[in-house]
Amino acid sequence: MKSWFITGASRGFGLRIARLALERGDNVAATARRAEAVAEAIGEHPNLLALPLDVTDEAQAQAAAAAAVERFGQIDVLLNNAGFGLLGAVEEASVAEVERVYRTNVFGLLNVTRAVLPQMRAQRSGRILNISSIGGYRAGPGFGVYASTKFAVEGLSEALRAELAPLGIHVTAVEPGYFRTDFLDASSLSVSTTGIADYDGTVGAVRRVASSLNHGQPGDPDKLARVLVDFADVPNPPVRLPLGSDTVAAIEAKHASDAAILAEWREVSISTDFAA
């Protein structure tokens, strides 16, 4: 039996994973801004602890982690799932919009991770699953600010993996592509309030595609949830877990593009060293 701590557990991936973990007999501390939303979505269960948590509130993160340890005695899996998107050109995004998405996607993840790590270090065991995105591996028009938050999640995950592996704690950045959740709904995706006509052919096209793709995404969120619940038992998890055929294709394309850059610019790249 494992004890999970899940952020953003009232809907989407978080809710699905919480349900599956409970079904297999695990303990779940399921958090959301409103604990009632978790209870309403999951229902009564003896292994469920529904907790209020705004991940941007460091004190609340500390309190939620302490409550989970008090109830279950340990935290085996931290799923940093809370987050949302921002659609708009980099120039279109206001300071307030940028700060808001960073507060949740980056600083919120840090708040919760720092709250849980003392317990995992004391246990000398545990694993952290950070929900990133294919946007954390390659960015595109319209999602520059959002992707930058997920690039940060990827960097934090890589560093945490190196820091925590000697302590028996595994860290993985999970990279979903487009899955059929509510991510493209207004509840999960903010759209910059400013629009600039010069970006209509790039960001405007992305806005139109996103609208038509909503609830027609290729990824099955139930399959992703099952993969991640099973993944919690994998003995040597990788630092990254790409999920979705679109993610695989995007990673392969970026690898090819980067290889071409190295081939074309190698001499310039290595010319900046001191002479041997």
C-alpha atoms as a PDB file:
ATOM      1  CA  MET A   1       0.000   0.000   0.000  1.00  0.00           C
ATOM      2  CA  LYS A   2       1.313   3.420  -0.987  1.00  0.00           C
ATOM      3  CA  SER A   3       0.342   6.829   0.329  1.00  0.00           C
ATOM      4  CA  TRP A   4      -0.163   9.483  -2.348  1.00  0.00           C
ATOM      5  CA  PHE A   5      -0.205  13.279  -2.106  1.00  0.00           C
ATOM      6  CA  ILE A   6      -1.905  14.743  -5.184  1.00  0.00           C
ATOM      7  CA  THR A   7      -2.385  18.405  -6.086  1.00  0.00           C
ATOM      8  CA  GLY A   8      -5.158  19.529  -8.404  1.00  0.00           C
ATOM      9  CA  ALA A   9      -7.140  16.382  -7.543  1.00  0.00           C
ATOM     10  CA  SER A  10     -10.668  17.641  -8.140  1.00  0.00           C
ATOM     11  CA  ARG A  11     -10.587  17.112 -11.922  1.00  0.00           C
ATOM     12  CA  GLY A  12      -8.463  16.061 -14.900  1.00  0.00           C
ATOM     13  CA  PHE A  13      -5.465  13.804 -14.455  1.00  0.00           C
ATOM     14  CA  GLY A  14      -5.353  14.359 -10.707  1.00  0.00           C
ATOM     15  CA  LEU A  15      -8.900  13.132 -10.160  1.00  0.00           C
ATOM     16  CA  ARG A  16      -8.460  10.079 -12.371  1.00  0.00           C
ATOM     17  CA  ILE A  17      -5.225   9.073 -10.674  1.00  0.00           C
ATOM     18  CA  ALA A  18      -6.697   9.578  -7.201  1.00  0.00           C
ATOM     19  CA  ARG A  19      -9.606   7.288  -8.051  1.00  0.00           C
ATOM     20  CA  LEU A  20      -7.357   4.559  -9.454  1.00  0.00           C
ATOM     21  CA  ALA A  21      -4.988   4.716  -6.489  1.00  0.00           C
ATOM     22  CA  LEU A  22      -7.937   4.338  -4.105  1.00  0.00           C
ATOM     23  CA  GLU A  23      -9.333   1.448  -6.146  1.00  0.00           C
ATOM     24  CA  ARG A  24      -6.111  -0.506  -5.714  1.00  0.00           C
ATOM     25  CA  GLY A  25      -6.137   0.082  -1.962  1.00  0.00           C
ATOM     26  CA  ASP A  26      -3.683   2.966  -1.647  1.00  0.00           C
ATOM     27  CA  ASN A  27      -4.058   5.951   0.650  1.00  0.00           C
ATOM     28  CA  VAL A  28      -4.637   9.295  -1.062  1.00  0.00           C
ATOM     29  CA  ALA A  29      -4.284  12.818   0.293  1.00  0.00           C
ATOM     30  CA  ALA A  30      -6.166  14.590  -2.494  1.00  0.00           C
ATOM     31  CA  THR A  31      -5.889  18.360  -2.551  1.00  0.00           C
ATOM     32  CA  ALA A  32      -7.610  21.206  -4.341  1.00  0.00           C
ATOM     33  CA  ARG A  33      -8.372  24.832  -3.636  1.00  0.00           C
ATOM     34  CA  ARG A  34     -11.669  23.586  -2.204  1.00  0.00           C
ATOM     35  CA  ALA A  35     -11.509  20.288  -0.320  1.00  0.00           C
ATOM     36  CA  GLU A  36     -15.265  19.969  -0.875  1.00  0.00           C
ATOM     37  CA  ALA A  37     -14.659  19.733  -4.621  1.00  0.00           C
ATOM     38  CA  VAL A  38     -12.511  16.650  -4.073  1.00  0.00           C
ATOM     39  CA  ALA A  39     -15.075  15.019  -1.791  1.00  0.00           C
ATOM     40  CA  GLU A  40     -17.837  15.758  -4.296  1.00  0.00           C
ATOM     41  CA  ALA A  41     -15.839  14.319  -7.198  1.00  0.00           C
ATOM     42  CA  ILE A  42     -14.601  11.159  -5.460  1.00  0.00           C
ATOM     43  CA  GLY A  43     -17.180  10.490  -2.771  1.00  0.00           C
ATOM     44  CA  GLU A  44     -16.643   8.898   0.630  1.00  0.00           C
ATOM     45  CA  HIS A  45     -13.702   6.510   0.967  1.00  0.00           C
ATOM     46  CA  PRO A  46     -11.891   5.314   4.086  1.00  0.00           C
ATOM     47  CA  ASN A  47      -8.473   5.819   2.474  1.00  0.00           C
ATOM     48  CA  LEU A  48      -9.193   9.341   1.225  1.00  0.00           C
ATOM     49  CA  LEU A  49      -8.073  12.521   2.942  1.00  0.00           C
ATOM     50  CA  ALA A  50      -9.450  15.566   1.119  1.00  0.00           C
ATOM     51  CA  LEU A  51      -7.479  18.698   1.920  1.00  0.00           C
ATOM     52  CA  PRO A  52      -7.761  22.358   0.906  1.00  0.00           C
ATOM     53  CA  LEU A  53      -4.628  23.552  -0.851  1.00  0.00           C
ATOM     54  CA  ASP A  54      -3.849  26.594  -2.907  1.00  0.00           C
ATOM     55  CA  VAL A  55      -0.344  25.612  -4.037  1.00  0.00           C
ATOM     56  CA  THR A  56       0.705  29.261  -4.188  1.00  0.00           C
ATOM     57  CA  ASP A  57       0.277  29.435  -0.388  1.00  0.00           C
ATOM     58  CA  GLU A  58       3.464  28.035   1.171  1.00  0.00           C
ATOM     59  CA  ALA A  59       2.012  27.845   4.685  1.00  0.00           C
ATOM     60  CA  GLN A  60      -1.010  25.932   3.421  1.00  0.00           C
ATOM     61  CA  ALA A  61       1.280  23.502   1.567  1.00  0.00           C
ATOM     62  CA  GLN A  62       3.202  22.847   4.777  1.00  0.00           C
ATOM     63  CA  ALA A  63      -0.044  22.295   6.694  1.00  0.00           C
ATOM     64  CA  ALA A  64      -1.440  19.924   4.058  1.00  0.00           C
ATOM     65  CA  ALA A  65       1.741  17.835   4.009  1.00  0.00           C
ATOM     66  CA  ALA A  66       1.715  17.634   7.814  1.00  0.00           C
ATOM     67  CA  ALA A  67      -1.948  16.546   7.800  1.00  0.00           C
ATOM     68  CA  ALA A  68      -1.190  13.802   5.257  1.00  0.00           C
ATOM     69  CA  VAL A  69       1.697  12.474   7.361  1.00  0.00           C
ATOM     70  CA  GLU A  70      -0.412  12.608  10.519  1.00  0.00           C
ATOM     71  CA  ARG A  71      -3.182  10.587   8.828  1.00  0.00           C
ATOM     72  CA  PHE A  72      -1.137   8.073   6.830  1.00  0.00           C
ATOM     73  CA  GLY A  73       2.254   8.083   8.549  1.00  0.00           C
ATOM     74  CA  GLN A  74       4.199   8.675   5.333  1.00  0.00           C
ATOM     75  CA  ILE A  75       4.078  10.050   1.783  1.00  0.00           C
ATOM     76  CA  ASP A  76       5.310   7.627  -0.857  1.00  0.00           C
ATOM     77  CA  VAL A  77       4.259   9.437  -4.045  1.00  0.00           C
ATOM     78  CA  LEU A  78       3.949  13.170  -4.632  1.00  0.00           C
ATOM     79  CA  LEU A  79       2.046  14.010  -7.803  1.00  0.00           C
ATOM     80  CA  ASN A  80       2.538  17.699  -8.635  1.00  0.00           C
ATOM     81  CA  ASN A  81      -0.408  18.031 -10.966  1.00  0.00           C
ATOM     82  CA  ALA A  82      -1.885  21.472 -10.230  1.00  0.00           C
ATOM     83  CA  GLY A  83      -1.352  23.933 -13.054  1.00  0.00           C
ATOM     84  CA  PHE A  84      -2.974  25.786 -15.931  1.00  0.00           C
ATOM     85  CA  GLY A  85      -2.131  27.131 -19.365  1.00  0.00           C
ATOM     86  CA  LEU A  86      -1.809  30.562 -20.936  1.00  0.00           C
ATOM     87  CA  LEU A  87      -2.475  31.075 -24.640  1.00  0.00           C
ATOM     88  CA  GLY A  88      -1.120  34.199 -26.276  1.00  0.00           C
ATOM     89  CA  ALA A  89       1.947  35.648 -27.922  1.00  0.00           C
ATOM     90  CA  VAL A  90       4.809  36.430 -25.571  1.00  0.00           C
ATOM     91  CA  GLU A  91       4.382  40.136 -26.316  1.00  0.00           C
ATOM     92  CA  GLU A  92       0.638  39.927 -25.719  1.00  0.00           C
ATOM     93  CA  ALA A  93       0.978  38.433 -22.222  1.00  0.00           C
ATOM     94  CA  SER A  94       0.672  41.012 -19.459  1.00  0.00           C
ATOM     95  CA  VAL A  95       2.903  41.044 -16.394  1.00  0.00           C
ATOM     96  CA  ALA A  96      -0.055  39.955 -14.268  1.00  0.00           C
ATOM     97  CA  GLU A  97      -0.839  37.031 -16.585  1.00  0.00           C
ATOM     98  CA  VAL A  98       2.774  35.863 -16.617  1.00  0.00           C
ATOM     99  CA  GLU A  99       3.149  36.153 -12.851  1.00  0.00           C
ATOM    100  CA  ARG A 100      -0.107  34.266 -12.246  1.00  0.00           C
ATOM    101  CA  VAL A 101       0.862  31.234 -14.319  1.00  0.00           C
ATOM    102  CA  TYR A 102       4.359  31.166 -12.798  1.00  0.00           C
ATOM    103  CA  ARG A 103       2.941  31.365  -9.269  1.00  0.00           C
ATOM    104  CA  THR A 104       1.006  28.136  -9.809  1.00  0.00           C
ATOM    105  CA  ASN A 105       3.064  26.131 -12.307  1.00  0.00           C
ATOM    106  CA  VAL A 106       6.526  26.857 -10.880  1.00  0.00           C
ATOM    107  CA  PHE A 107       6.413  28.432  -7.432  1.00  0.00           C
ATOM    108  CA  GLY A 108       3.422  26.327  -6.438  1.00  0.00           C
ATOM    109  CA  LEU A 109       5.234  23.143  -7.434  1.00  0.00           C
ATOM    110  CA  LEU A 110       8.231  24.304  -5.398  1.00  0.00           C
ATOM    111  CA  ASN A 111       6.068  25.063  -2.360  1.00  0.00           C
ATOM    112  CA  VAL A 112       4.538  21.593  -2.316  1.00  0.00           C
ATOM    113  CA  THR A 113       7.787  19.786  -3.094  1.00  0.00           C
ATOM    114  CA  ARG A 114       9.614  21.574  -0.269  1.00  0.00           C
ATOM    115  CA  ALA A 115       6.735  20.732   2.078  1.00  0.00           C
ATOM    116  CA  VAL A 116       6.863  17.013   1.296  1.00  0.00           C
ATOM    117  CA  LEU A 117      10.621  16.449   0.965  1.00  0.00           C
ATOM    118  CA  PRO A 118      11.513  16.473   4.696  1.00  0.00           C
ATOM    119  CA  GLN A 119       9.208  13.467   5.174  1.00  0.00           C
ATOM    120  CA  MET A 120      10.603  11.633   2.138  1.00  0.00           C
ATOM    121  CA  ARG A 121      14.174  12.322   3.264  1.00  0.00           C
ATOM    122  CA  ALA A 122      13.376  10.971   6.717  1.00  0.00           C
ATOM    123  CA  GLN A 123      11.905   7.837   5.100  1.00  0.00           C
ATOM    124  CA  ARG A 124      14.835   7.563   2.682  1.00  0.00           C
ATOM    125  CA  SER A 125      12.243   6.655   0.052  1.00  0.00           C
ATOM    126  CA  GLY A 126       9.610   8.148  -2.197  1.00  0.00           C
ATOM    127  CA  ARG A 127       8.994   9.389  -5.680  1.00  0.00           C
ATOM    128  CA  ILE A 128       7.952  12.674  -7.166  1.00  0.00           C
ATOM    129  CA  LEU A 129       5.978  12.875 -10.399  1.00  0.00           C
ATOM    130  CA  ASN A 130       5.971  16.394 -11.827  1.00  0.00           C
ATOM    131  CA  ILE A 131       3.381  16.937 -14.528  1.00  0.00           C
ATOM    132  CA  SER A 132       5.206  18.795 -17.265  1.00  0.00           C
ATOM    133  CA  SER A 133       4.098  18.819 -20.903  1.00  0.00           C
ATOM    134  CA  ILE A 134       5.422  18.371 -24.390  1.00  0.00           C
ATOM    135  CA  GLY A 135       5.567  22.169 -24.007  1.00  0.00           C
ATOM    136  CA  GLY A 136       8.329  21.580 -21.477  1.00  0.00           C
ATOM    137  CA  TYR A 137      10.463  20.005 -24.209  1.00  0.00           C
ATOM    138  CA  ARG A 138       9.717  22.270 -27.129  1.00  0.00           C
ATOM    139  CA  ALA A 139       7.873  25.572 -27.322  1.00  0.00           C
ATOM    140  CA  GLY A 140       5.694  26.935 -30.078  1.00  0.00           C
ATOM    141  CA  PRO A 141       3.769  30.085 -30.999  1.00  0.00           C
ATOM    142  CA  GLY A 142       1.002  30.982 -28.601  1.00  0.00           C
ATOM    143  CA  PHE A 143       2.323  28.916 -25.719  1.00  0.00           C
ATOM    144  CA  GLY A 144       5.663  30.623 -25.059  1.00  0.00           C
ATOM    145  CA  VAL A 145       4.959  31.733 -21.501  1.00  0.00           C
ATOM    146  CA  TYR A 146       3.226  28.481 -20.559  1.00  0.00           C
ATOM    147  CA  ALA A 147       6.034  26.443 -22.110  1.00  0.00           C
ATOM    148  CA  SER A 148       8.595  28.457 -20.188  1.00  0.00           C
ATOM    149  CA  THR A 149       6.953  27.375 -16.921  1.00  0.00           C
ATOM    150  CA  LYS A 150       7.175  23.757 -18.010  1.00  0.00           C
ATOM    151  CA  PHE A 151      10.794  24.217 -19.124  1.00  0.00           C
ATOM    152  CA  ALA A 152      11.356  25.309 -15.521  1.00  0.00           C
ATOM    153  CA  VAL A 153       9.622  22.161 -14.261  1.00  0.00           C
ATOM    154  CA  GLU A 154      11.907  20.056 -16.456  1.00  0.00           C
ATOM    155  CA  GLY A 155      15.039  21.762 -15.122  1.00  0.00           C
ATOM    156  CA  LEU A 156      13.887  21.449 -11.530  1.00  0.00           C
ATOM    157  CA  SER A 157      13.065  17.791 -12.072  1.00  0.00           C
ATOM    158  CA  GLU A 158      16.500  17.038 -13.521  1.00  0.00           C
ATOM    159  CA  ALA A 159      18.272  18.752 -10.615  1.00  0.00           C
ATOM    160  CA  LEU A 160      16.013  17.179  -7.993  1.00  0.00           C
ATOM    161  CA  ARG A 161      16.631  13.753  -9.477  1.00  0.00           C
ATOM    162  CA  ALA A 162      20.397  14.179  -9.090  1.00  0.00           C
ATOM    163  CA  GLU A 163      20.074  15.620  -5.578  1.00  0.00           C
ATOM    164  CA  LEU A 164      17.606  13.055  -4.263  1.00  0.00           C
ATOM    165  CA  ALA A 165      18.661   9.789  -5.919  1.00  0.00           C
ATOM    166  CA  PRO A 166      21.309   9.085  -3.235  1.00  0.00           C
ATOM    167  CA  LEU A 167      18.524   9.411  -0.640  1.00  0.00           C
ATOM    168  CA  GLY A 168      16.311   6.804  -2.295  1.00  0.00           C
ATOM    169  CA  ILE A 169      13.900   9.329  -3.830  1.00  0.00           C
ATOM    170  CA  HIS A 170      13.096   9.167  -7.554  1.00  0.00           C
ATOM    171  CA  VAL A 171      11.961  12.186  -9.595  1.00  0.00           C
ATOM    172  CA  THR A 172      10.315  12.093 -13.027  1.00  0.00           C
ATOM    173  CA  ALA A 173       8.963  14.842 -15.277  1.00  0.00           C
ATOM    174  CA  VAL A 174       5.835  13.512 -16.983  1.00  0.00           C
ATOM    175  CA  GLU A 175       5.365  14.935 -20.491  1.00  0.00           C
ATOM    176  CA  PRO A 176       1.808  14.543 -21.812  1.00  0.00           C
ATOM    177  CA  GLY A 177       0.885  15.699 -25.272  1.00  0.00           C
ATOM    178  CA  TYR A 178      -2.690  16.688 -26.079  1.00  0.00           C
ATOM    179  CA  PHE A 179      -5.057  14.585 -23.972  1.00  0.00           C
ATOM    180  CA  ARG A 180      -8.829  14.767 -23.946  1.00  0.00           C
ATOM    181  CA  THR A 181      -9.220  16.594 -20.643  1.00  0.00           C
ATOM    182  CA  ASP A 182     -10.520  20.077 -19.911  1.00  0.00           C
ATOM    183  CA  PHE A 183      -7.076  21.656 -20.439  1.00  0.00           C
ATOM    184  CA  LEU A 184      -8.330  23.703 -23.397  1.00  0.00           C
ATOM    185  CA  ASP A 185     -11.423  24.835 -21.494  1.00  0.00           C
ATOM    186  CA  ALA A 186     -11.533  28.249 -19.868  1.00  0.00           C
ATOM    187  CA  SER A 187     -11.234  26.534 -16.470  1.00  0.00           C
ATOM    188  CA  SER A 188      -7.689  25.382 -17.294  1.00  0.00           C
ATOM    189  CA  LEU A 189      -6.489  27.641 -20.114  1.00  0.00           C
ATOM    190  CA  SER A 190      -6.310  31.418 -19.821  1.00  0.00           C
ATOM    191  CA  VAL A 191      -6.161  33.485 -23.000  1.00  0.00           C
ATOM    192  CA  SER A 192      -4.240  36.758 -23.023  1.00  0.00           C
ATOM    193  CA  THR A 193      -6.626  39.675 -22.951  1.00  0.00           C
ATOM    194  CA  THR A 194      -4.471  41.664 -25.367  1.00  0.00           C
ATOM    195  CA  GLY A 195      -4.448  40.760 -29.057  1.00  0.00           C
ATOM    196  CA  ILE A 196      -1.976  42.078 -31.631  1.00  0.00           C
ATOM    197  CA  ALA A 197      -2.955  41.796 -35.293  1.00  0.00           C
ATOM    198  CA  ASP A 198       0.617  41.133 -36.455  1.00  0.00           C
ATOM    199  CA  TYR A 199       0.461  37.721 -34.751  1.00  0.00           C
ATOM    200  CA  ASP A 200      -2.749  36.613 -36.437  1.00  0.00           C
ATOM    201  CA  GLY A 201      -0.918  34.256 -38.807  1.00  0.00           C
ATOM    202  CA  THR A 202       0.975  32.520 -36.000  1.00  0.00           C
ATOM    203  CA  VAL A 203      -0.665  32.821 -32.593  1.00  0.00           C
ATOM    204  CA  GLY A 204      -4.054  33.508 -34.138  1.00  0.00           C
ATOM    205  CA  ALA A 205      -3.800  30.238 -36.064  1.00  0.00           C
ATOM    206  CA  VAL A 206      -2.955  28.413 -32.831  1.00  0.00           C
ATOM    207  CA  ARG A 207      -5.981  29.943 -31.114  1.00  0.00           C
ATOM    208  CA  ARG A 208      -8.234  28.703 -33.906  1.00  0.00           C
ATOM    209  CA  VAL A 209      -6.725  25.209 -33.899  1.00  0.00           C
ATOM    210  CA  ALA A 210      -6.928  24.961 -30.107  1.00  0.00           C
ATOM    211  CA  SER A 211     -10.614  25.790 -30.204  1.00  0.00           C
ATOM    212  CA  SER A 212     -11.334  23.152 -32.846  1.00  0.00           C
ATOM    213  CA  LEU A 213      -9.175  20.545 -31.082  1.00  0.00           C
ATOM    214  CA  ASN A 214     -10.872  20.926 -27.695  1.00  0.00           C
ATOM    215  CA  HIS A 215     -12.311  17.579 -26.548  1.00  0.00           C
ATOM    216  CA  GLY A 216     -11.001  15.973 -29.742  1.00  0.00           C
ATOM    217  CA  GLN A 217      -7.420  15.518 -28.535  1.00  0.00           C
ATOM    218  CA  PRO A 218      -5.763  12.185 -29.417  1.00  0.00           C
ATOM    219  CA  GLY A 219      -4.684  11.212 -25.904  1.00  0.00           C
ATOM    220  CA  ASP A 220      -6.887   9.079 -23.625  1.00  0.00           C
ATOM    221  CA  PRO A 221      -6.647  10.513 -20.073  1.00  0.00           C
ATOM    222  CA  ASP A 222      -7.857   7.264 -18.496  1.00  0.00           C
ATOM    223  CA  LYS A 223      -4.955   5.396 -20.105  1.00  0.00           C
ATOM    224  CA  LEU A 224      -2.517   8.045 -18.874  1.00  0.00           C
ATOM    225  CA  ALA A 225      -3.882   7.710 -15.342  1.00  0.00           C
ATOM    226  CA  ARG A 226      -3.433   3.939 -15.442  1.00  0.00           C
ATOM    227  CA  VAL A 227       0.122   4.284 -16.734  1.00  0.00           C
ATOM    228  CA  LEU A 228       1.070   6.678 -13.923  1.00  0.00           C
ATOM    229  CA  VAL A 229      -0.489   4.591 -11.154  1.00  0.00           C
ATOM    230  CA  ASP A 230       1.424   1.552 -12.428  1.00  0.00           C
ATOM    231  CA  PHE A 231       4.524   3.731 -12.940  1.00  0.00           C
ATOM    232  CA  ALA A 232       4.627   4.414  -9.194  1.00  0.00           C
ATOM    233  CA  ASP A 233       5.857   0.821  -8.778  1.00  0.00           C
ATOM    234  CA  VAL A 234       8.559   0.897 -11.480  1.00  0.00           C
ATOM    235  CA  PRO A 235      11.893   0.215  -9.717  1.00  0.00           C
ATOM    236  CA  ASN A 236      14.136   2.483 -11.839  1.00  0.00           C
ATOM    237  CA  PRO A 237      11.955   5.239 -13.301  1.00  0.00           C
ATOM    238  CA  PRO A 238      13.414   7.547 -15.977  1.00  0.00           C
ATOM    239  CA  VAL A 239      13.927  11.264 -15.457  1.00  0.00           C
ATOM    240  CA  ARG A 240      11.371  11.927 -18.223  1.00  0.00           C
ATOM    241  CA  LEU A 241       8.258  10.021 -19.231  1.00  0.00           C
ATOM    242  CA  PRO A 242       6.844  11.156 -22.592  1.00  0.00           C
ATOM    243  CA  LEU A 243       3.177  10.185 -23.009  1.00  0.00           C
ATOM    244  CA  GLY A 244       1.250  10.385 -26.269  1.00  0.00           C
ATOM    245  CA  SER A 245       2.186   9.735 -29.878  1.00  0.00           C
ATOM    246  CA  ASP A 246       2.235  13.489 -30.511  1.00  0.00           C
ATOM    247  CA  THR A 247       4.791  13.941 -27.741  1.00  0.00           C
ATOM    248  CA  VAL A 248       6.996  11.200 -29.171  1.00  0.00           C
ATOM    249  CA  ALA A 249       6.816  12.757 -32.646  1.00  0.00           C
ATOM    250  CA  ALA A 250       7.628  16.231 -31.297  1.00  0.00           C
ATOM    251  CA  ILE A 251      10.643  14.977 -29.330  1.00  0.00           C
ATOM    252  CA  GLU A 252      11.971  13.093 -32.341  1.00  0.00           C
ATOM    253  CA  ALA A 253      11.545  16.202 -34.523  1.00  0.00           C
ATOM    254  CA  LYS A 254      13.391  18.384 -32.017  1.00  0.00           C
ATOM    255  CA  HIS A 255      16.231  15.865 -31.754  1.00  0.00           C
ATOM    256  CA  ALA A 256      16.593  15.936 -35.550  1.00  0.00           C
ATOM    257  CA  SER A 257      16.485  19.742 -35.621  1.00  0.00           C
ATOM    258  CA  ASP A 258      19.099  20.064 -32.865  1.00  0.00           C
ATOM    259  CA  ALA A 259      21.338  17.515 -34.579  1.00  0.00           C
ATOM    260  CA  ALA A 260      21.169  19.603 -37.757  1.00  0.00           C
ATOM    261  CA  ILE A 261      22.138  22.756 -35.822  1.00  0.00           C
ATOM    262  CA  LEU A 262      25.153  20.994 -34.297  1.00  0.00           C
ATOM    263  CA  ALA A 263      26.239  19.691 -37.682  1.00  0.00           C
ATOM    264  CA  GLU A 264      26.001  23.114 -39.344  1.00  0.00           C
ATOM    265  CA  TRP A 265      27.457  25.185 -36.512  1.00  0.00           C
ATOM    266  CA  ARG A 266      29.914  22.783 -34.855  1.00  0.00           C
ATOM    267  CA  GLU A 267      33.050  24.668 -35.877  1.00  0.00           C
ATOM    268  CA  VAL A 268      31.667  27.953 -34.606  1.00  0.00           C
ATOM    269  CA  SER A 269      30.433  26.307 -31.429  1.00  0.00           C
ATOM    270  CA  ILE A 270      33.786  24.821 -30.481  1.00  0.00           C
ATOM    271  CA  SER A 271      35.809  27.834 -31.658  1.00  0.00           C
ATOM    272  CA  THR A 272      35.122  29.774 -28.467  1.00  0.00           C
ATOM    273  CA  ASP A 273      37.325  27.580 -26.213  1.00  0.00           C
ATOM    274  CA  PHE A 274      40.816  28.673 -25.198  1.00  0.00           C
ATOM    275  CA  ALA A 275      43.453  27.251 -27.524  1.00  0.00           C
ATOM    276  CA  ALA A 276      44.817  23.929 -26.280  1.00  0.00           C
END
